[in-house]
Protein backbone atom coordinates (compact mmCIF):
# COMPACT_ATOMS: atom_id res chain seq x y z
CA MET A 1 45.65 118.06 131.85
CA LEU A 2 43.70 118.17 135.11
CA THR A 3 42.50 114.84 136.42
CA ALA A 4 38.89 114.24 137.47
CA VAL A 5 38.27 112.66 140.88
CA PRO A 6 34.78 111.08 141.10
CA LEU A 7 33.28 111.77 144.53
CA VAL A 8 29.55 111.01 144.08
CA ASP A 9 28.81 108.90 141.02
CA ALA A 10 25.38 109.93 139.69
CA PRO A 11 25.77 110.45 135.93
CA ASP A 12 22.08 111.20 135.41
CA ARG A 13 22.21 114.20 137.76
CA PRO A 14 23.50 117.79 137.29
CA LEU A 15 27.28 118.20 137.44
CA LEU A 16 28.96 119.77 140.48
CA LEU A 17 32.72 120.38 140.23
CA LEU A 18 34.84 120.82 143.37
CA GLY A 19 38.21 122.58 143.35
CA PRO A 20 41.14 122.05 145.77
CA SER A 21 43.45 124.17 147.85
CA LEU A 22 47.17 124.39 147.14
CA GLY A 23 48.99 121.35 148.51
CA THR A 24 45.86 119.23 148.90
CA SER A 25 44.06 116.67 146.78
CA ALA A 26 40.35 116.63 145.98
CA GLU A 27 40.12 113.27 147.74
CA ALA A 28 41.65 114.47 151.01
CA LEU A 29 39.93 117.86 151.03
CA TRP A 30 36.44 117.10 149.72
CA ARG A 31 35.61 113.38 150.17
CA ARG A 32 33.86 113.63 153.57
CA CYS A 33 31.98 116.78 152.63
CA ALA A 34 30.84 115.41 149.26
CA GLY A 35 29.46 112.33 150.98
CA LYS A 36 27.21 114.51 153.13
CA LEU A 37 25.60 116.44 150.27
CA ARG A 38 21.86 115.90 150.11
CA GLY A 39 21.41 117.57 146.73
CA ARG A 40 21.14 115.41 143.66
CA TYR A 41 24.47 116.01 141.93
CA HIS A 42 27.09 114.15 139.96
CA VAL A 43 30.04 115.31 142.07
CA VAL A 44 33.53 115.41 140.58
CA GLY A 45 36.63 116.94 142.12
CA TRP A 46 39.73 117.98 140.22
CA ASP A 47 43.38 117.93 141.23
CA LEU A 48 45.93 120.67 140.62
CA PRO A 49 48.89 119.83 138.35
CA GLY A 50 51.33 117.62 140.23
CA HIS A 51 48.83 117.07 143.06
CA GLY A 52 46.73 114.01 143.82
CA ARG A 53 45.95 112.19 140.58
CA SER A 54 47.08 114.93 138.16
CA GLY A 55 50.44 114.65 136.44
CA PRO A 56 53.14 117.32 136.86
CA ALA A 57 52.82 120.55 134.91
CA PRO A 58 55.03 120.83 131.81
CA ALA A 59 55.02 124.66 131.93
CA ALA A 60 53.58 127.68 133.73
CA PHE A 61 49.81 128.06 133.49
CA GLY A 62 48.42 130.89 135.67
CA ILE A 63 44.92 130.96 137.14
CA PRO A 64 43.37 131.52 133.66
CA GLY A 65 45.15 128.38 132.49
CA LEU A 66 43.73 126.38 135.39
CA ALA A 67 40.26 127.70 134.56
CA ARG A 68 40.68 126.52 130.96
CA GLY A 69 41.74 123.14 132.29
CA VAL A 70 38.58 122.91 134.40
CA LEU A 71 36.44 123.73 131.36
CA GLU A 72 38.21 121.01 129.37
CA LEU A 73 37.57 118.58 132.21
CA ALA A 74 33.89 119.58 132.33
CA ASP A 75 33.64 118.99 128.58
CA ARG A 76 35.09 115.52 128.96
CA ILE A 77 32.31 114.76 131.46
CA ARG A 78 29.38 116.73 129.97
CA PRO A 79 30.34 118.42 126.68
CA GLY A 80 29.05 121.97 126.52
CA GLU A 81 26.70 121.64 129.50
CA PRO A 82 26.55 124.17 132.36
CA PHE A 83 27.66 123.08 135.82
CA ARG A 84 27.75 124.18 139.44
CA TYR A 85 31.10 124.94 141.04
CA ALA A 86 32.65 125.10 144.50
CA GLY A 87 36.32 125.65 145.31
CA ASP A 88 38.55 126.27 148.30
CA SER A 89 41.52 128.71 148.27
CA VAL A 90 43.17 128.47 144.82
CA GLY A 91 40.15 126.38 143.82
CA GLY A 92 38.02 129.41 144.74
CA ALA A 93 40.28 131.70 142.71
CA VAL A 94 39.76 129.40 139.73
CA GLY A 95 36.02 129.65 140.41
CA LEU A 96 36.19 133.44 140.09
CA GLN A 97 38.12 133.10 136.84
CA LEU A 98 35.52 130.66 135.50
CA LEU A 99 32.70 133.06 136.40
CA LEU A 100 34.50 135.78 134.44
CA ASP A 101 35.70 133.74 131.46
CA ALA A 102 32.80 131.29 131.01
CA PRO A 103 29.66 132.87 132.50
CA ASP A 104 27.48 130.70 130.27
CA ARG A 105 28.92 127.52 131.76
CA VAL A 106 28.85 128.14 135.53
CA THR A 107 25.29 128.46 136.85
CA SER A 108 26.31 129.42 140.40
CA ALA A 109 29.31 129.07 142.70
CA VAL A 110 30.39 128.63 146.30
CA LEU A 111 33.82 130.14 146.93
CA LEU A 112 35.49 129.13 150.19
CA CYS A 113 38.52 130.46 152.06
CA THR A 114 39.72 132.41 149.03
CA GLY A 115 39.97 135.93 147.65
CA ALA A 116 39.93 138.00 144.49
CA LYS A 117 43.59 138.45 145.45
CA ILE A 118 45.17 136.07 147.96
CA GLY A 119 48.22 137.17 149.90
CA GLU A 120 51.12 139.19 148.54
CA SER A 121 53.02 138.48 145.35
CA GLY A 122 56.40 138.51 147.05
CA GLY A 123 55.35 135.93 149.61
CA TRP A 124 54.13 133.53 146.91
CA ARG A 125 57.36 133.89 144.93
CA GLN A 126 59.41 133.28 148.06
CA ARG A 127 57.45 130.13 148.82
CA ALA A 128 57.95 128.92 145.25
CA GLU A 129 61.72 129.34 145.67
CA THR A 130 61.65 127.49 149.00
CA VAL A 131 59.78 124.50 147.57
CA ARG A 132 61.97 124.32 144.47
CA ALA A 133 65.04 124.24 146.71
CA ASP A 134 63.85 122.00 149.55
CA GLY A 135 60.66 120.25 148.41
CA THR A 136 57.18 120.43 149.88
CA GLN A 137 58.38 119.04 153.22
CA ALA A 138 59.79 122.53 153.82
CA VAL A 139 56.29 124.02 154.01
CA VAL A 140 54.59 121.32 156.09
CA ALA A 141 54.98 123.09 159.45
CA GLY A 142 53.76 126.39 158.03
CA SER A 143 50.83 124.67 156.32
CA ILE A 144 49.68 123.16 159.62
CA GLN A 145 49.51 126.67 161.07
CA ARG A 146 47.80 128.13 158.00
CA TRP A 147 45.38 125.32 157.25
CA PHE A 148 43.83 124.39 160.57
CA ALA A 149 42.07 126.18 163.41
CA PRO A 150 43.66 125.63 166.84
CA GLY A 151 42.97 122.14 168.18
CA PHE A 152 41.78 120.63 164.88
CA PRO A 153 44.82 118.36 164.29
CA ASP A 154 44.31 116.84 167.75
CA ARG A 155 40.56 116.37 167.24
CA GLU A 156 40.85 114.97 163.71
CA PRO A 157 44.28 113.31 163.38
CA ALA A 158 43.25 111.07 160.46
CA VAL A 159 41.93 113.99 158.39
CA THR A 160 45.03 116.02 159.19
CA ALA A 161 47.34 113.14 158.26
CA ALA A 162 45.63 112.61 154.90
CA LEU A 163 45.95 116.29 153.98
CA LEU A 164 49.60 116.46 155.01
CA ALA A 165 50.33 113.26 153.06
CA ALA A 166 48.85 114.91 149.95
CA LEU A 167 51.11 117.92 150.55
CA ARG A 168 54.25 115.80 150.93
CA ALA A 169 53.38 113.85 147.77
CA ALA A 170 52.86 116.96 145.62
CA ASP A 171 55.36 117.61 142.83
CA PRO A 172 57.57 120.51 144.03
CA GLU A 173 57.81 122.22 140.63
CA SER A 174 54.04 122.06 140.09
CA TYR A 175 53.47 123.40 143.62
CA ALA A 176 55.85 126.28 142.85
CA LEU A 177 54.01 127.04 139.60
CA VAL A 178 50.71 127.29 141.51
CA CYS A 179 52.41 129.73 143.89
CA GLU A 180 53.50 131.82 140.92
CA ALA A 181 49.99 131.68 139.47
CA LEU A 182 48.62 133.09 142.73
CA ALA A 183 51.34 135.78 142.76
CA THR A 184 49.86 137.32 139.58
CA PHE A 185 46.17 136.72 140.32
CA ASP A 186 44.07 139.79 141.07
CA VAL A 187 40.49 140.20 139.82
CA ARG A 188 39.29 142.67 142.47
CA HIS A 189 38.54 145.25 139.80
CA ARG A 190 36.38 142.78 137.84
CA LEU A 191 34.04 141.45 140.53
CA GLY A 192 31.19 143.63 139.30
CA GLU A 193 31.18 141.68 136.02
CA ILE A 194 30.04 138.50 137.80
CA THR A 195 26.28 138.07 137.55
CA GLN A 196 25.81 134.47 138.74
CA PRO A 197 24.80 133.80 142.38
CA VAL A 198 27.89 133.49 144.59
CA LEU A 199 28.10 132.28 148.17
CA ALA A 200 31.38 133.37 149.80
CA VAL A 201 32.32 131.21 152.79
CA ALA A 202 35.05 132.38 155.17
CA GLY A 203 36.74 130.71 158.09
CA ALA A 204 36.81 133.01 161.11
CA ALA A 205 40.33 131.74 161.94
CA ASP A 206 41.63 131.84 158.35
CA GLN A 207 44.90 133.76 158.09
CA PRO A 208 45.81 133.27 154.38
CA ALA A 209 42.30 134.27 153.22
CA PRO A 210 40.66 136.23 156.06
CA PRO A 211 36.92 136.99 156.12
CA ALA A 212 37.47 140.54 154.81
CA GLY A 213 38.51 139.11 151.44
CA LEU A 214 35.40 136.96 151.22
CA ALA A 215 33.26 139.94 152.22
CA LEU A 216 34.82 141.87 149.33
CA ILE A 217 33.71 139.12 146.93
CA ALA A 218 30.18 138.96 148.37
CA GLU A 219 29.81 142.73 148.13
CA GLY A 220 31.51 143.08 144.75
CA VAL A 221 29.58 140.55 142.64
CA ARG A 222 26.05 141.32 141.48
CA GLU A 223 24.41 138.63 143.64
CA GLY A 224 26.60 137.63 146.58
CA ARG A 225 26.22 136.45 150.15
CA LEU A 226 28.79 135.95 152.93
CA VAL A 227 28.87 133.24 155.58
CA VAL A 228 31.62 133.14 158.24
CA LEU A 229 32.25 129.80 159.95
CA ASP A 230 33.44 129.97 163.55
CA GLY A 231 36.25 127.62 164.56
CA VAL A 232 37.34 127.11 160.95
CA ALA A 233 40.56 128.20 159.26
CA HIS A 234 41.62 127.64 155.65
CA LEU A 235 40.29 124.20 154.68
CA ALA A 236 36.59 124.52 155.44
CA PRO A 237 35.43 121.39 153.52
CA ALA A 238 37.75 119.22 155.62
CA GLU A 239 37.38 121.10 158.90
CA SER A 240 33.59 121.46 158.85
CA PRO A 241 32.21 119.01 156.24
CA ASP A 242 28.65 118.92 157.60
CA GLU A 243 28.22 122.67 157.63
CA VAL A 244 29.87 123.17 154.24
CA ALA A 245 27.72 120.43 152.69
CA ALA A 246 24.60 122.09 154.07
CA LEU A 247 25.68 125.46 152.68
CA LEU A 248 26.29 123.97 149.24
CA ASP A 249 22.88 122.32 149.31
CA GLU A 250 21.20 125.56 150.35
CA HIS A 251 22.98 127.65 147.71
CA PHE A 252 22.59 125.31 144.77
CA ARG A 253 18.98 124.38 145.39
CA ASP A 254 17.71 127.67 143.90
CA ASP A 255 19.01 126.88 140.41
CA ALA A 256 18.00 123.23 140.47
CA GLY A 257 14.34 123.76 139.57
CA PRO A 258 11.29 122.77 141.62
CA ARG A 259 11.85 120.08 144.24
CA THR A 260 9.61 117.08 144.67
CA VAL A 261 7.85 116.44 147.98
CA ASP A 262 10.32 113.64 148.70
CA GLN A 263 13.28 115.95 148.02
CA VAL A 264 11.88 118.58 150.37
CA ARG A 265 11.33 115.98 153.07
CA GLU A 266 14.80 114.52 152.56
CA ALA A 267 16.42 117.95 152.77
CA GLY A 268 14.37 118.76 155.88
CA MET A 269 15.41 115.59 157.65
CA ALA A 270 19.07 116.30 156.82
CA VAL A 271 18.95 119.82 158.27
CA ARG A 272 16.90 118.67 161.26
CA ARG A 273 19.59 116.11 162.08
CA GLN A 274 22.41 118.60 161.56
CA VAL A 275 20.81 121.21 163.84
CA LEU A 276 19.21 119.06 166.55
CA GLY A 277 21.50 116.04 166.45
CA ASP A 278 20.92 112.44 165.46
CA ALA A 279 20.08 111.31 168.99
CA HIS A 280 17.22 113.80 169.36
CA VAL A 281 15.78 113.10 165.92
CA ASP A 282 16.10 109.34 166.39
CA ARG A 283 14.11 109.60 169.62
CA ALA A 284 11.43 111.67 167.89
CA VAL A 285 11.19 109.22 165.00
CA ALA A 286 11.09 106.21 167.32
CA GLY A 287 8.31 107.85 169.31
CA THR A 288 6.15 108.53 166.26
CA THR A 289 2.71 106.95 166.39
CA PRO A 290 -0.04 106.73 163.78
CA PHE A 291 -1.63 109.69 165.59
CA THR A 292 1.52 111.90 165.42
CA ARG A 293 2.98 110.74 162.08
CA ASP A 294 1.35 113.46 159.98
CA PHE A 295 2.59 116.14 162.38
CA GLN A 296 6.15 114.79 162.28
CA GLU A 297 6.07 114.83 158.48
CA LEU A 298 4.67 118.36 158.53
CA ILE A 299 7.48 119.82 160.64
CA THR A 300 10.16 117.88 158.75
CA ALA A 301 8.97 119.05 155.34
CA TYR A 302 7.68 122.54 156.17
CA ALA A 303 9.76 123.88 159.07
CA TRP A 304 13.01 122.10 158.27
CA GLY A 305 12.71 121.37 154.53
CA GLU A 306 11.17 124.65 153.38
CA ILE A 307 12.25 127.29 155.93
CA TRP A 308 15.52 126.17 157.54
CA THR A 309 16.98 125.33 154.11
CA ARG A 310 16.27 128.75 152.59
CA PRO A 311 19.48 130.62 151.60
CA GLY A 312 18.33 134.07 152.76
CA LEU A 313 19.61 133.66 156.35
CA ASP A 314 22.44 131.60 157.77
CA ARG A 315 21.76 129.12 160.55
CA ARG A 316 23.25 131.33 163.25
CA SER A 317 20.69 134.01 162.41
CA ARG A 318 17.85 131.50 162.31
CA SER A 319 18.88 130.21 165.73
CA MET A 320 18.85 133.71 167.23
CA ILE A 321 15.39 134.41 165.79
CA THR A 322 14.10 131.06 167.02
CA LEU A 323 15.41 131.61 170.56
CA THR A 324 13.72 135.00 170.71
CA ALA A 325 10.37 133.63 169.51
CA LEU A 326 10.46 130.74 171.99
CA VAL A 327 11.24 133.07 174.91
CA ALA A 328 8.44 135.43 173.88
CA LEU A 329 5.88 132.64 173.68
CA GLY A 330 7.07 130.73 176.75
CA HIS A 331 7.78 127.49 174.89
CA HIS A 332 10.25 126.27 177.48
CA GLU A 333 10.74 122.68 176.33
CA GLU A 334 11.48 123.85 172.79
CA LEU A 335 13.72 126.60 174.19
CA ALA A 336 16.00 124.06 175.88
CA MET A 337 16.27 122.10 172.64
CA HIS A 338 17.09 125.22 170.61
CA VAL A 339 19.69 126.52 173.06
CA ARG A 340 21.57 123.32 172.35
CA ALA A 341 20.88 123.74 168.61
CA ALA A 342 22.17 127.32 168.73
CA ARG A 343 25.52 126.02 169.94
CA THR A 344 25.55 123.52 167.09
CA ASN A 345 24.87 126.37 164.68
CA GLY A 346 27.91 128.27 165.89
CA LEU A 347 26.63 130.60 168.62
CA THR A 348 28.93 130.98 171.58
CA ASP A 349 27.64 130.99 175.15
CA ASP A 350 28.22 134.75 175.26
CA GLU A 351 26.18 135.25 172.09
CA ILE A 352 23.32 133.19 173.53
CA LYS A 353 23.51 135.39 176.62
CA GLU A 354 23.25 138.51 174.45
CA VAL A 355 20.17 137.14 172.69
CA LEU A 356 18.50 136.48 176.06
CA LEU A 357 19.43 139.95 177.33
CA GLN A 358 17.76 141.38 174.23
CA THR A 359 14.61 139.38 175.02
CA ALA A 360 14.56 140.86 178.53
CA VAL A 361 13.97 144.28 176.96
CA TYR A 362 11.44 143.30 174.31
CA CYS A 363 9.76 140.18 175.75
CA GLY A 364 9.85 141.03 179.45
CA VAL A 365 12.16 140.39 182.38
CA PRO A 366 10.14 137.45 183.81
CA ALA A 367 10.30 135.64 180.44
CA ALA A 368 14.03 136.27 180.19
CA ASN A 369 14.56 135.17 183.79
CA THR A 370 13.04 131.78 183.01
CA ALA A 371 14.98 131.61 179.74
CA PHE A 372 18.30 132.25 181.52
CA ARG A 373 17.54 129.49 184.00
CA ILE A 374 16.75 127.02 181.21
CA ALA A 375 19.76 128.04 179.13
CA GLN A 376 22.11 127.78 182.12
CA ARG A 377 20.91 124.24 182.79
CA VAL A 378 21.42 123.24 179.16
CA LEU A 379 24.85 124.86 178.85
CA ASP A 380 26.05 123.36 182.13
CA GLY A 381 24.81 119.93 181.10
CA ASP A 382 26.66 120.08 177.76
CA ARG A 383 30.03 120.90 179.29
């Protein structure tokens, strides 16, 4: 039996289930990300057999068996009710199986750092043998290389330590059985059967589940979209919790029904802070006067709450469009702010340069000349 891990306790709200990666626990992988969700969900993670809070597996189960376990867990929480689902790696594979086996139960899904087939069967069987012989400590060094983008363990030592502790604590036989489940998992030929909305999220530095596999999912299902996160490897919810939380909120909002004015404003303020930074937004809020209050509420609700939260474009694309519009119209103060925001949204300095070169052709060389000067000042000041 899979064990539920409460992450956001809101029993009166729609259920959102979060699935783990092999060797992790829902607590270590999802806790920070779940805490940043702005949507109104009852958020529950689940642990693999022999991982986190779940007891060891008594026998082999396969990915279909894990999917049945998730459905049983969902029924213990909300019998028979539909739910939203997000999962990383093997948790994403279970999500695909749920979409195929129980399409009436999963309203929509976010599948991260996963694939309709992950890796090669022989490699999974070899890893199962290694762990049975030497325990999970034998795969710690390899997991560090597979799990994290370069530099992440040094930047986030506490997060890294918690994930590695979950790996060391995992039951070796259960870990090996998950490896064997992944060795036989392949639903590439069935993706066209999936009709629910799917957001496929890839880490640009992910080696076990590279972006091409997520692109295959996004292209293969009836209603799919791909987002690639720069500077992220295999554990996106832990490596980039703010961005993953925002993507979940964006994706799941479409099946949540109409939002109230307060919900729109709340979502807008969350995205505004994520894109522009707390310091900038705090200054704007502190500087609000009775004369400017209505305008501040307008841009928070309309620009940030209605437009920037729409799922049709990712934030990188929205930043590129915004930079172009600001150059064209000569809004230099806003341009400086959005050059900084573009970096936050994942654009590299070279990509910002390419956007400005494009504006030189279509907006005019003098406008681009000023834009380059402003961007250079911002980029130099942020280094």
